[in-house]
Amino acid sequence: MNDMAETDPSMQTAIGAGGAGSGGSRDYDRTLAFAVEAEKLGVDQAWTAEAWGLDAVSTLAFLAGHLKHMTLGTGIMQVSARAPSMTAMTALSLAALTGDRFILGLGNSGPQVVEGLQGERFYKPLSRMREVIEIVRMACRGEKLEHRGEHYVLPRPGGEGKALRLAQPPNPDLPIWLATLSPRALELTGELADGWLGTSFTPERAEAHLEHLRRGAEKAGRSLADLTLCVGAAVAFTDDPEPFVQRAKPQMAFTLGAMGSARTNFYNDAYKRSGFEDAAIEVQRLWVAGKREEAAKAVPDAMIDQTCLFGSEAHIARRIALYRKAGIGVLRLDPHGENSSDRLDTLGRAVALVKSSGEQV
């Protein structure tokens, strides 16, 4: 079965707003100025990051007071970092602040962050995610929070607590998108989520992810078309993509080698499923051994070519068509440039290509 939206002309564009690693006020100023201009260019969404630096919520709230039309999403709020009730309260607050231009993006992160930074066990992350979604949706429906699960019990037994409903008005349609990579997590996304925040994605091997999303959707009696699929790609217009390819390799090596432990790296596993198994293993081996430059050199050009939009306008237009054919509903663009003005020029050209490709469908 293949229900990819090959003729859907409604692909939207998105940007990342603010990195996870810095909280300097001048970074906020640049982030805001870029997002305001991106909105003028017709970008539809902005997503904030959260790892072990900036949280995903503060930057989003800061942007919400200045952006008029963009949909704003947390990309992602880490489920282990907050009680589910607080996740629900925050999501409902952001939905109210933005006039319902908010998407709750959730993710499990990985064992290094969850256990090293948050002090929580990285234990049965999928059942934890399921319980969080159940509690958040219960809260959004305006119900009293009563839950008996493996990870969360509300109210706490044996004490003085009682089941409470949030004081905010219900918002049962608040969308929840999940950032997932492993096959079982992708199935959970297909089963429960409104959208997917994808990484390690290549349109040439889209089924490495989509087959699992589809299986989960069908388990819940729906189809892949019921989810909005969002993936990202760096973009640069150039007649000589080689320098951009080489500059992208250290970050890819970091993803393959450092985004997780030597035993648990969901990004690395996703690239293995996408046809880069030998390279993913070798880059990780070199990275873990401390050979960072060698790890970057071991990244194949094809891995960068298939995950980025580097090249002429005609080449980038062809690649956008591949994402559209794979059923991608939102293309998150990371424009390259020497400064903000150059990056905005690149972004504007890419947004125009996405829109024109839809008109041609």
Foldseek 3Di string as FASTA:
>chain_A
DDDFQLQFLQFAAEAEQDDAADDDVVSLVLSLVLVQLLVVLPHAEYEYEHDPHDARQPSQLVNLVPDQGHQYEYLAHALLQDPLVVLLVSLLVSCVSNVNSYAHEYENQAQCCNCVPVVDGSPPSLQSVVVSLVQSLCLLQQHFRADDDPVDGPPDPPDDDDTDHDPDHHHNPRFYEYEDFDLVNLLSRLQDGQEYEYELAFLVQNCLRVVSSQNSVVVNVHGPLSHAYEYEAEADEDADQVVVLLVCLLVVLCLLAPSYHLVDRRSLVSNCSSVCVVLSNVSNVCVVVVNSVVSSVSDDSVSNVRRHHYYHLVSSLVRLSSCSSSNHRYYYYRYDDPDSVRSSVRSSSNSVSSNVSSVVD
